[in-house]
Amino acid sequence: MAVNREELISCLNDLIQTCRDGEEGFQSAADSVKSADLKAFLKRCSLQRAQFATELQAEVRQLGGDPAQSGTVTGSFHRGWLNLKSVITGKDDSAIIAECERGEDAALENYKRVLKENLPPNVLPVAKHQFTEIKETHDRIRGLKEAA
């Protein structure tokens, strides 16, 4: 059974908030790490999440809905990015990487939940592509964490 328009808009807005939380979390992490290579990688992740949010906002507009513009404090906590703020104060690159992985764990779970819905053909490829990219980023961050 197809998800109704209101449910679909709600699901997409949740993903938009997930992406905005990731965008902010990665930018905060990039601003705090010492390694230039790691800083560049985290900035790219932040920009990617901004692009994902923009893509999802366009889908919500096509559906006639009002797209979410930012993440939320509650959403940030639930998505795993809130702990990053406390870790950043110590400016330990390995701890920041670990918190980025936790944020990505939560993002993946949100995408998995939404992908279980019967998404329409115009939305499904967007969500699947973003999920795949987030999974690749998660795996790369996990590799960085294990190497640290």
N, C-alpha and C. Protein backbone atom coordinates (compact mmCIF):
# COMPACT_ATOMS: atom_id res chain seq x y z
N MET A 1 0.85 -1.19 0.00
CA MET A 1 0.00 0.00 0.00
C MET A 1 0.88 1.24 0.00
N ALA A 2 0.59 2.17 -0.86
CA ALA A 2 1.40 3.39 -0.96
C ALA A 2 1.18 4.26 0.27
N VAL A 3 2.25 4.93 0.66
CA VAL A 3 2.18 5.87 1.77
C VAL A 3 1.43 7.11 1.27
N ASN A 4 0.57 7.70 2.13
CA ASN A 4 -0.19 8.86 1.68
C ASN A 4 0.71 10.10 1.65
N ARG A 5 0.22 11.15 1.01
CA ARG A 5 1.01 12.36 0.77
C ARG A 5 1.53 12.98 2.07
N GLU A 6 0.68 13.07 3.08
CA GLU A 6 1.10 13.68 4.35
C GLU A 6 2.18 12.84 5.04
N GLU A 7 2.01 11.52 5.01
CA GLU A 7 3.02 10.64 5.60
C GLU A 7 4.35 10.75 4.85
N LEU A 8 4.26 10.82 3.53
CA LEU A 8 5.46 10.94 2.71
C LEU A 8 6.19 12.25 3.00
N ILE A 9 5.45 13.34 3.09
CA ILE A 9 6.06 14.64 3.41
C ILE A 9 6.72 14.57 4.78
N SER A 10 6.06 13.93 5.74
CA SER A 10 6.63 13.80 7.08
C SER A 10 7.92 12.97 7.06
N CYS A 11 7.92 11.87 6.32
CA CYS A 11 9.12 11.03 6.20
C CYS A 11 10.26 11.81 5.56
N LEU A 12 9.95 12.53 4.49
CA LEU A 12 11.00 13.30 3.81
C LEU A 12 11.52 14.43 4.68
N ASN A 13 10.62 15.08 5.42
CA ASN A 13 11.08 16.14 6.33
C ASN A 13 11.97 15.58 7.43
N ASP A 14 11.67 14.37 7.87
CA ASP A 14 12.54 13.72 8.86
C ASP A 14 13.93 13.49 8.27
N LEU A 15 13.99 13.06 7.01
CA LEU A 15 15.29 12.86 6.36
C LEU A 15 16.00 14.20 6.15
N ILE A 16 15.24 15.24 5.83
CA ILE A 16 15.85 16.57 5.69
C ILE A 16 16.50 16.97 7.00
N GLN A 17 15.80 16.78 8.10
CA GLN A 17 16.36 17.11 9.41
C GLN A 17 17.58 16.26 9.71
N THR A 18 17.53 14.99 9.34
CA THR A 18 18.69 14.10 9.51
C THR A 18 19.88 14.66 8.74
N CYS A 19 19.64 15.08 7.51
CA CYS A 19 20.73 15.62 6.68
C CYS A 19 21.25 16.93 7.25
N ARG A 20 20.37 17.80 7.69
CA ARG A 20 20.82 19.08 8.27
C ARG A 20 21.61 18.84 9.56
N ASP A 21 21.16 17.89 10.36
CA ASP A 21 21.92 17.55 11.58
C ASP A 21 23.31 17.05 11.20
N GLY A 22 23.39 16.20 10.17
CA GLY A 22 24.69 15.71 9.71
C GLY A 22 25.54 16.82 9.15
N GLU A 23 24.93 17.71 8.39
CA GLU A 23 25.65 18.86 7.83
C GLU A 23 26.29 19.67 8.95
N GLU A 24 25.51 20.00 9.96
CA GLU A 24 26.03 20.79 11.09
C GLU A 24 27.05 20.00 11.90
N GLY A 25 26.78 18.72 12.11
CA GLY A 25 27.71 17.90 12.88
C GLY A 25 29.05 17.75 12.19
N PHE A 26 29.03 17.47 10.89
CA PHE A 26 30.29 17.34 10.15
C PHE A 26 31.04 18.67 10.10
N GLN A 27 30.31 19.78 9.96
CA GLN A 27 30.99 21.08 9.93
C GLN A 27 31.65 21.37 11.28
N SER A 28 30.94 21.08 12.36
CA SER A 28 31.52 21.27 13.70
C SER A 28 32.75 20.40 13.88
N ALA A 29 32.66 19.17 13.41
CA ALA A 29 33.80 18.25 13.51
C ALA A 29 34.97 18.78 12.68
N ALA A 30 34.68 19.24 11.46
CA ALA A 30 35.74 19.76 10.59
C ALA A 30 36.43 20.96 11.22
N ASP A 31 35.66 21.80 11.88
CA ASP A 31 36.22 22.98 12.52
C ASP A 31 37.10 22.64 13.71
N SER A 32 36.97 21.41 14.21
CA SER A 32 37.64 21.06 15.46
C SER A 32 38.81 20.09 15.33
N VAL A 33 38.90 19.39 14.21
CA VAL A 33 40.00 18.41 14.08
C VAL A 33 41.29 19.11 13.68
N LYS A 34 42.39 18.44 13.99
CA LYS A 34 43.72 19.01 13.70
C LYS A 34 44.21 18.62 12.30
N SER A 35 43.96 17.40 11.89
CA SER A 35 44.45 16.88 10.62
C SER A 35 43.81 17.62 9.43
N ALA A 36 44.64 18.14 8.53
CA ALA A 36 44.13 18.85 7.36
C ALA A 36 43.34 17.92 6.44
N ASP A 37 43.82 16.69 6.26
CA ASP A 37 43.11 15.74 5.41
C ASP A 37 41.75 15.38 5.99
N LEU A 38 41.71 15.15 7.29
CA LEU A 38 40.46 14.82 7.96
C LEU A 38 39.51 16.02 7.90
N LYS A 39 40.02 17.21 8.11
CA LYS A 39 39.22 18.42 8.03
C LYS A 39 38.56 18.54 6.65
N ALA A 40 39.34 18.30 5.58
CA ALA A 40 38.81 18.39 4.22
C ALA A 40 37.72 17.33 3.98
N PHE A 41 37.96 16.12 4.46
CA PHE A 41 36.98 15.04 4.31
C PHE A 41 35.66 15.40 5.01
N LEU A 42 35.77 15.88 6.24
CA LEU A 42 34.57 16.21 7.01
C LEU A 42 33.80 17.38 6.38
N LYS A 43 34.51 18.32 5.82
CA LYS A 43 33.85 19.43 5.12
C LYS A 43 33.09 18.92 3.90
N ARG A 44 33.70 17.98 3.17
CA ARG A 44 33.01 17.38 2.02
C ARG A 44 31.73 16.65 2.48
N CYS A 45 31.82 15.96 3.60
CA CYS A 45 30.64 15.27 4.15
C CYS A 45 29.54 16.28 4.48
N SER A 46 29.93 17.39 5.07
CA SER A 46 28.97 18.43 5.42
C SER A 46 28.29 18.98 4.17
N LEU A 47 29.07 19.26 3.14
CA LEU A 47 28.52 19.77 1.88
C LEU A 47 27.60 18.74 1.22
N GLN A 48 27.98 17.47 1.31
CA GLN A 48 27.15 16.41 0.74
C GLN A 48 25.78 16.38 1.42
N ARG A 49 25.77 16.48 2.75
CA ARG A 49 24.51 16.45 3.48
C ARG A 49 23.65 17.67 3.15
N ALA A 50 24.28 18.82 2.94
CA ALA A 50 23.53 20.01 2.53
C ALA A 50 22.85 19.75 1.18
N GLN A 51 23.59 19.13 0.26
CA GLN A 51 23.04 18.81 -1.06
C GLN A 51 21.89 17.81 -0.93
N PHE A 52 22.05 16.80 -0.08
CA PHE A 52 20.98 15.82 0.13
C PHE A 52 19.72 16.51 0.65
N ALA A 53 19.88 17.41 1.61
CA ALA A 53 18.73 18.11 2.17
C ALA A 53 18.02 18.93 1.08
N THR A 54 18.81 19.59 0.24
CA THR A 54 18.24 20.39 -0.85
C THR A 54 17.44 19.51 -1.81
N GLU A 55 17.98 18.33 -2.14
CA GLU A 55 17.27 17.41 -3.03
C GLU A 55 15.94 16.98 -2.41
N LEU A 56 15.97 16.67 -1.12
CA LEU A 56 14.75 16.23 -0.44
C LEU A 56 13.74 17.37 -0.31
N GLN A 57 14.23 18.58 -0.09
CA GLN A 57 13.33 19.73 -0.01
C GLN A 57 12.59 19.92 -1.34
N ALA A 58 13.30 19.71 -2.45
CA ALA A 58 12.65 19.81 -3.76
C ALA A 58 11.54 18.77 -3.91
N GLU A 59 11.78 17.57 -3.41
CA GLU A 59 10.74 16.53 -3.47
C GLU A 59 9.52 16.93 -2.64
N VAL A 60 9.76 17.50 -1.46
CA VAL A 60 8.64 17.92 -0.61
C VAL A 60 7.84 19.03 -1.31
N ARG A 61 8.54 19.96 -1.93
CA ARG A 61 7.85 21.04 -2.65
C ARG A 61 7.01 20.48 -3.79
N GLN A 62 7.55 19.48 -4.51
CA GLN A 62 6.79 18.86 -5.61
C GLN A 62 5.50 18.23 -5.11
N LEU A 63 5.53 17.78 -3.87
CA LEU A 63 4.35 17.16 -3.26
C LEU A 63 3.39 18.21 -2.70
N GLY A 64 3.79 19.48 -2.79
CA GLY A 64 2.95 20.55 -2.27
C GLY A 64 3.11 20.78 -0.78
N GLY A 65 4.19 20.27 -0.20
CA GLY A 65 4.41 20.43 1.23
C GLY A 65 5.42 21.52 1.54
N ASP A 66 5.56 21.80 2.81
CA ASP A 66 6.55 22.76 3.30
C ASP A 66 7.75 21.97 3.81
N PRO A 67 8.90 22.10 3.14
CA PRO A 67 10.07 21.34 3.57
C PRO A 67 10.70 21.89 4.84
N ALA A 68 11.20 20.96 5.65
CA ALA A 68 11.96 21.36 6.85
C ALA A 68 13.18 22.14 6.38
N GLN A 69 13.57 23.14 7.16
CA GLN A 69 14.70 23.98 6.80
C GLN A 69 15.96 23.65 7.60
N SER A 70 15.79 23.00 8.73
CA SER A 70 16.95 22.73 9.58
C SER A 70 16.73 21.45 10.36
N GLY A 71 17.76 21.07 11.08
CA GLY A 71 17.62 19.98 12.04
C GLY A 71 16.96 20.52 13.29
N THR A 72 16.73 19.66 14.22
CA THR A 72 16.12 20.09 15.47
C THR A 72 16.99 19.66 16.63
N VAL A 73 16.84 20.35 17.76
CA VAL A 73 17.59 19.95 18.95
C VAL A 73 17.22 18.53 19.34
N THR A 74 15.93 18.24 19.36
CA THR A 74 15.49 16.88 19.69
C THR A 74 15.99 15.91 18.64
N GLY A 75 15.82 16.28 17.39
CA GLY A 75 16.27 15.41 16.31
C GLY A 75 17.76 15.19 16.36
N SER A 76 18.50 16.23 16.66
CA SER A 76 19.94 16.12 16.75
C SER A 76 20.33 15.10 17.82
N PHE A 77 19.66 15.17 18.95
CA PHE A 77 19.95 14.22 20.02
C PHE A 77 19.65 12.80 19.57
N HIS A 78 18.48 12.63 18.98
CA HIS A 78 18.08 11.29 18.55
C HIS A 78 18.93 10.77 17.41
N ARG A 79 19.49 11.64 16.62
CA ARG A 79 20.28 11.21 15.48
C ARG A 79 21.74 11.02 15.84
N GLY A 80 22.11 11.26 17.07
CA GLY A 80 23.46 10.93 17.51
C GLY A 80 24.48 12.03 17.40
N TRP A 81 24.09 13.23 16.99
CA TRP A 81 25.09 14.28 16.78
C TRP A 81 25.31 15.15 18.02
N LEU A 82 24.42 15.10 19.00
CA LEU A 82 24.54 15.99 20.14
C LEU A 82 25.82 15.75 20.94
N ASN A 83 26.22 14.50 21.08
CA ASN A 83 27.42 14.19 21.86
C ASN A 83 28.67 14.77 21.24
N LEU A 84 28.62 15.08 19.96
CA LEU A 84 29.78 15.64 19.29
C LEU A 84 30.20 16.95 19.95
N LYS A 85 29.23 17.74 20.38
CA LYS A 85 29.54 19.03 20.99
C LYS A 85 30.42 18.86 22.23
N SER A 86 30.14 17.86 23.03
CA SER A 86 30.94 17.67 24.24
C SER A 86 32.32 17.12 23.92
N VAL A 87 32.43 16.32 22.88
CA VAL A 87 33.71 15.74 22.49
C VAL A 87 34.62 16.80 21.88
N ILE A 88 34.02 17.72 21.13
CA ILE A 88 34.80 18.74 20.43
C ILE A 88 35.60 19.60 21.39
N THR A 89 35.07 19.82 22.57
CA THR A 89 35.80 20.66 23.52
C THR A 89 37.17 20.08 23.84
N GLY A 90 37.32 18.77 23.76
CA GLY A 90 38.61 18.14 23.99
C GLY A 90 39.49 18.13 22.75
N LYS A 91 38.89 18.37 21.60
CA LYS A 91 39.59 18.42 20.31
C LYS A 91 40.47 17.20 20.05
N ASP A 92 39.99 16.04 20.43
CA ASP A 92 40.69 14.79 20.17
C ASP A 92 40.14 14.20 18.88
N ASP A 93 40.97 14.16 17.83
CA ASP A 93 40.50 13.71 16.52
C ASP A 93 39.85 12.33 16.57
N SER A 94 40.43 11.39 17.30
CA SER A 94 39.86 10.04 17.32
C SER A 94 38.50 10.03 18.01
N ALA A 95 38.32 10.82 19.05
CA ALA A 95 37.02 10.89 19.71
C ALA A 95 35.98 11.56 18.81
N ILE A 96 36.40 12.57 18.07
CA ILE A 96 35.49 13.24 17.13
C ILE A 96 35.07 12.27 16.03
N ILE A 97 36.01 11.50 15.51
CA ILE A 97 35.68 10.49 14.49
C ILE A 97 34.67 9.49 15.03
N ALA A 98 34.86 9.04 16.27
CA ALA A 98 33.94 8.08 16.87
C ALA A 98 32.53 8.67 16.98
N GLU A 99 32.44 9.95 17.33
CA GLU A 99 31.13 10.58 17.42
C GLU A 99 30.50 10.77 16.05
N CYS A 100 31.32 11.04 15.04
CA CYS A 100 30.80 11.13 13.67
C CYS A 100 30.22 9.78 13.25
N GLU A 101 30.88 8.70 13.64
CA GLU A 101 30.36 7.38 13.31
C GLU A 101 29.01 7.15 13.99
N ARG A 102 28.88 7.59 15.23
CA ARG A 102 27.60 7.43 15.94
C ARG A 102 26.50 8.21 15.23
N GLY A 103 26.84 9.41 14.77
CA GLY A 103 25.87 10.20 14.03
C GLY A 103 25.45 9.51 12.75
N GLU A 104 26.41 8.90 12.07
CA GLU A 104 26.11 8.17 10.84
C GLU A 104 25.29 6.92 11.11
N ASP A 105 25.55 6.25 12.24
CA ASP A 105 24.73 5.09 12.62
C ASP A 105 23.26 5.51 12.69
N ALA A 106 23.02 6.63 13.35
CA ALA A 106 21.65 7.11 13.51
C ALA A 106 21.04 7.52 12.17
N ALA A 107 21.83 8.16 11.31
CA ALA A 107 21.33 8.56 9.99
C ALA A 107 20.93 7.33 9.18
N LEU A 108 21.78 6.31 9.22
CA LEU A 108 21.46 5.08 8.49
C LEU A 108 20.16 4.46 8.98
N GLU A 109 19.97 4.46 10.28
CA GLU A 109 18.73 3.90 10.84
C GLU A 109 17.52 4.68 10.36
N ASN A 110 17.63 6.00 10.31
CA ASN A 110 16.51 6.81 9.83
C ASN A 110 16.20 6.50 8.37
N TYR A 111 17.23 6.41 7.55
CA TYR A 111 17.02 6.08 6.14
C TYR A 111 16.43 4.68 5.99
N LYS A 112 16.91 3.73 6.75
CA LYS A 112 16.36 2.37 6.68
C LYS A 112 14.87 2.37 7.00
N ARG A 113 14.51 3.12 8.03
CA ARG A 113 13.10 3.21 8.45
C ARG A 113 12.25 3.78 7.31
N VAL A 114 12.71 4.86 6.69
CA VAL A 114 11.95 5.49 5.62
C VAL A 114 11.91 4.59 4.38
N LEU A 115 13.00 3.91 4.09
CA LEU A 115 13.04 3.04 2.90
C LEU A 115 12.13 1.82 3.04
N LYS A 116 11.70 1.50 4.25
CA LYS A 116 10.74 0.40 4.45
C LYS A 116 9.34 0.81 4.01
N GLU A 117 9.11 2.12 3.91
CA GLU A 117 7.81 2.62 3.44
C GLU A 117 7.69 2.33 1.95
N ASN A 118 6.50 2.32 1.47
CA ASN A 118 6.26 2.11 0.04
C ASN A 118 6.37 3.47 -0.66
N LEU A 119 7.60 3.91 -0.89
CA LEU A 119 7.85 5.22 -1.47
C LEU A 119 7.49 5.23 -2.96
N PRO A 120 6.99 6.36 -3.44
CA PRO A 120 6.65 6.45 -4.86
C PRO A 120 7.89 6.41 -5.75
N PRO A 121 7.72 6.05 -7.02
CA PRO A 121 8.86 5.88 -7.93
C PRO A 121 9.71 7.12 -8.13
N ASN A 122 9.17 8.30 -7.94
CA ASN A 122 9.97 9.51 -8.10
C ASN A 122 10.84 9.80 -6.87
N VAL A 123 10.48 9.26 -5.73
CA VAL A 123 11.20 9.53 -4.48
C VAL A 123 12.18 8.41 -4.13
N LEU A 124 11.81 7.19 -4.42
CA LEU A 124 12.60 6.03 -4.03
C LEU A 124 14.06 6.10 -4.50
N PRO A 125 14.34 6.43 -5.77
CA PRO A 125 15.74 6.47 -6.21
C PRO A 125 16.57 7.53 -5.46
N VAL A 126 15.95 8.64 -5.13
CA VAL A 126 16.65 9.70 -4.39
C VAL A 126 17.04 9.18 -3.02
N ALA A 127 16.08 8.60 -2.31
CA ALA A 127 16.35 8.09 -0.95
C ALA A 127 17.36 6.95 -0.97
N LYS A 128 17.24 6.05 -1.95
CA LYS A 128 18.18 4.92 -2.05
C LYS A 128 19.60 5.40 -2.34
N HIS A 129 19.73 6.35 -3.26
CA HIS A 129 21.05 6.88 -3.59
C HIS A 129 21.69 7.54 -2.36
N GLN A 130 20.91 8.35 -1.67
CA GLN A 130 21.44 9.01 -0.47
C GLN A 130 21.83 7.99 0.59
N PHE A 131 21.01 6.97 0.78
CA PHE A 131 21.33 5.92 1.75
C PHE A 131 22.67 5.26 1.39
N THR A 132 22.85 4.95 0.12
CA THR A 132 24.10 4.31 -0.33
C THR A 132 25.30 5.20 -0.06
N GLU A 133 25.17 6.48 -0.34
CA GLU A 133 26.26 7.43 -0.09
C GLU A 133 26.56 7.56 1.40
N ILE A 134 25.52 7.61 2.21
CA ILE A 134 25.71 7.71 3.67
C ILE A 134 26.38 6.44 4.18
N LYS A 135 25.99 5.29 3.65
CA LYS A 135 26.62 4.02 4.05
C LYS A 135 28.11 4.04 3.71
N GLU A 136 28.45 4.53 2.53
CA GLU A 136 29.86 4.60 2.15
C GLU A 136 30.64 5.54 3.07
N THR A 137 30.04 6.68 3.40
CA THR A 137 30.68 7.62 4.32
C THR A 137 30.85 6.98 5.69
N HIS A 138 29.81 6.31 6.15
CA HIS A 138 29.87 5.62 7.45
C HIS A 138 31.02 4.62 7.46
N ASP A 139 31.13 3.83 6.40
CA ASP A 139 32.18 2.81 6.35
C ASP A 139 33.57 3.45 6.32
N ARG A 140 33.69 4.56 5.62
CA ARG A 140 34.98 5.26 5.59
C ARG A 140 35.34 5.81 6.97
N ILE A 141 34.35 6.37 7.65
CA ILE A 141 34.58 6.90 9.00
C ILE A 141 34.95 5.75 9.94
N ARG A 142 34.28 4.62 9.80
CA ARG A 142 34.62 3.47 10.64
C ARG A 142 36.07 3.04 10.39
N GLY A 143 36.48 3.05 9.14
CA GLY A 143 37.88 2.73 8.81
C GLY A 143 38.84 3.72 9.44
N LEU A 144 38.50 5.00 9.44
CA LEU A 144 39.35 6.01 10.07
C LEU A 144 39.43 5.77 11.58
N LYS A 145 38.28 5.41 12.15
CA LYS A 145 38.25 5.15 13.59
C LYS A 145 39.12 3.95 13.96
N GLU A 146 39.03 2.91 13.17
CA GLU A 146 39.81 1.71 13.45
C GLU A 146 41.30 1.94 13.24
N ALA A 147 41.63 2.84 12.31
CA ALA A 147 43.04 3.15 12.05
C ALA A 147 43.64 4.06 13.12
N ALA A 148 42.79 4.77 13.84
CA ALA A 148 43.28 5.74 14.83
C ALA A 148 43.83 5.08 16.07
